């Protein structure tokens, strides 16, 4: 597994300032690997929407997410687009974190990332 320390640091920095941070880029560029590294380090709740169990748990997003605290990682979130309004409201948009302020980390070129 390729360690993506620069990307992981940028994502962690983004998470300190933004309630919702999206990782997107081409297939096989390391998004899931980076998300899993961050989730493991933070003991985050991890949902993979390619997994039927995770998808079923998030079929009622407010019920599933409301009791959770700390970092929540949702891999393949585009599979359940109805999650986006839930993620940018409620506890995810605190006064310190303005609603609608999104940070992205995207590949710049071969192996380098920008945020």
Protein backbone atom coordinates (compact mmCIF):
# COMPACT_ATOMS: atom_id res chain seq x y z
CA UNK A 1 0.00 0.00 0.00
CA UNK A 2 1.34 3.43 -0.95
CA UNK A 3 1.46 5.81 2.01
CA UNK A 4 -0.03 9.15 1.08
CA UNK A 5 1.27 11.23 3.96
CA UNK A 6 1.05 14.59 2.16
CA UNK A 7 -2.53 13.97 1.12
CA UNK A 8 -3.47 12.69 4.57
CA UNK A 9 -2.01 15.82 6.20
CA UNK A 10 -3.95 18.08 3.81
CA UNK A 11 -7.19 16.23 4.49
CA UNK A 12 -6.64 16.41 8.25
CA UNK A 13 -5.97 20.15 7.97
CA UNK A 14 -9.15 20.55 5.94
CA UNK A 15 -11.16 18.59 8.49
CA UNK A 16 -10.08 20.98 11.25
CA UNK A 17 -11.69 23.89 9.38
CA UNK A 18 -14.50 22.31 7.37
CA UNK A 19 -17.29 20.11 8.65
CA UNK A 20 -17.54 18.21 5.37
CA UNK A 21 -14.51 17.41 3.26
CA UNK A 22 -14.96 15.59 -0.04
CA UNK A 23 -12.26 13.56 -1.73
CA UNK A 24 -12.74 13.08 -5.41
CA UNK A 25 -10.57 12.14 -8.30
CA UNK A 26 -10.04 9.46 -10.90
CA UNK A 27 -10.46 5.80 -10.09
CA UNK A 28 -7.58 4.08 -8.34
CA UNK A 29 -5.79 7.28 -7.30
CA UNK A 30 -5.82 6.59 -3.55
CA UNK A 31 -8.96 8.27 -2.23
CA UNK A 32 -10.20 5.23 -0.30
CA UNK A 33 -6.72 4.39 0.98
CA UNK A 34 -6.28 7.91 2.35
CA UNK A 35 -9.78 7.92 3.86
CA UNK A 36 -9.14 4.58 5.58
CA UNK A 37 -5.81 5.80 6.98
CA UNK A 38 -7.48 8.88 8.45
CA UNK A 39 -10.44 6.89 9.75
CA UNK A 40 -8.18 4.35 11.46
CA UNK A 41 -6.05 7.05 13.10
CA UNK A 42 -9.13 8.93 14.35
CA UNK A 43 -11.15 5.83 15.30
CA UNK A 44 -13.81 7.14 12.98
CA UNK A 45 -17.11 5.56 12.10
CA UNK A 46 -16.54 4.25 8.58
CA UNK A 47 -19.30 3.60 6.03
CA UNK A 48 -18.54 2.11 2.62
CA UNK A 49 -21.59 2.52 0.41
CA UNK A 50 -20.39 -0.27 -1.88
CA UNK A 51 -21.05 -2.54 1.11
CA UNK A 52 -24.76 -3.44 1.37
CA UNK A 53 -24.67 -3.36 5.19
CA UNK A 54 -23.31 0.22 5.27
CA UNK A 55 -25.73 1.29 2.55
CA UNK A 56 -28.65 -0.15 4.51
CA UNK A 57 -27.48 1.57 7.73
CA UNK A 58 -27.48 4.93 5.92
CA UNK A 59 -30.84 4.43 4.23
CA UNK A 60 -32.23 6.47 7.14
CA UNK A 61 -29.33 8.92 7.43
CA UNK A 62 -30.52 11.04 10.35
CA UNK A 63 -31.22 7.95 12.43
CA UNK A 64 -27.81 6.47 11.63
CA UNK A 65 -25.73 9.65 11.94
CA UNK A 66 -27.37 11.57 14.80
CA UNK A 67 -25.95 9.47 17.68
CA UNK A 68 -22.42 9.37 16.24
CA UNK A 69 -19.66 11.61 17.56
CA UNK A 70 -16.28 12.43 16.11
CA UNK A 71 -15.15 11.81 12.57
CA UNK A 72 -17.49 9.99 10.20
CA UNK A 73 -16.14 8.71 6.89
CA UNK A 74 -18.57 7.85 4.09
CA UNK A 75 -16.81 6.20 1.16
CA UNK A 76 -18.61 6.21 -2.20
CA UNK A 77 -21.06 8.84 -0.88
CA UNK A 78 -22.16 9.63 -4.45
CA UNK A 79 -24.12 6.35 -4.38
CA UNK A 80 -26.64 7.96 -1.99
CA UNK A 81 -27.01 11.54 -3.12
CA UNK A 82 -29.78 12.14 -0.57
CA UNK A 83 -27.02 12.23 2.08
CA UNK A 84 -25.64 15.58 0.90
CA UNK A 85 -28.39 17.78 2.44
CA UNK A 86 -28.04 15.87 5.70
CA UNK A 87 -24.28 16.37 5.77
CA UNK A 88 -24.39 20.15 5.33
CA UNK A 89 -27.01 20.78 8.01
CA UNK A 90 -27.41 19.96 11.67
CA UNK A 91 -24.34 19.31 13.80
CA UNK A 92 -22.09 19.38 10.74
CA UNK A 93 -22.59 23.14 10.28
CA UNK A 94 -21.62 24.68 13.63
CA UNK A 95 -21.09 28.44 14.09
CA UNK A 96 -17.32 27.90 13.81
CA UNK A 97 -17.89 26.02 10.58
CA UNK A 98 -19.99 27.88 8.09
CA UNK A 99 -22.62 25.87 6.20
CA UNK A 100 -21.83 25.38 2.56
CA UNK A 101 -18.09 25.85 3.01
CA UNK A 102 -16.57 22.83 1.33
CA UNK A 103 -12.94 21.89 0.91
CA UNK A 104 -11.77 19.45 -1.69
CA UNK A 105 -8.59 17.53 -2.20
CA UNK A 106 -7.99 16.68 -5.84
CA UNK A 107 -5.09 15.20 -7.76
CA UNK A 108 -2.87 17.82 -9.39
CA UNK A 109 -0.72 15.47 -11.44
CA UNK A 110 0.93 12.08 -11.08
CA UNK A 111 1.01 11.43 -7.36
CA UNK A 112 0.69 15.03 -6.17
CA UNK A 113 -2.41 16.51 -4.59
CA UNK A 114 -3.76 19.95 -3.96
CA UNK A 115 -6.43 21.21 -1.63
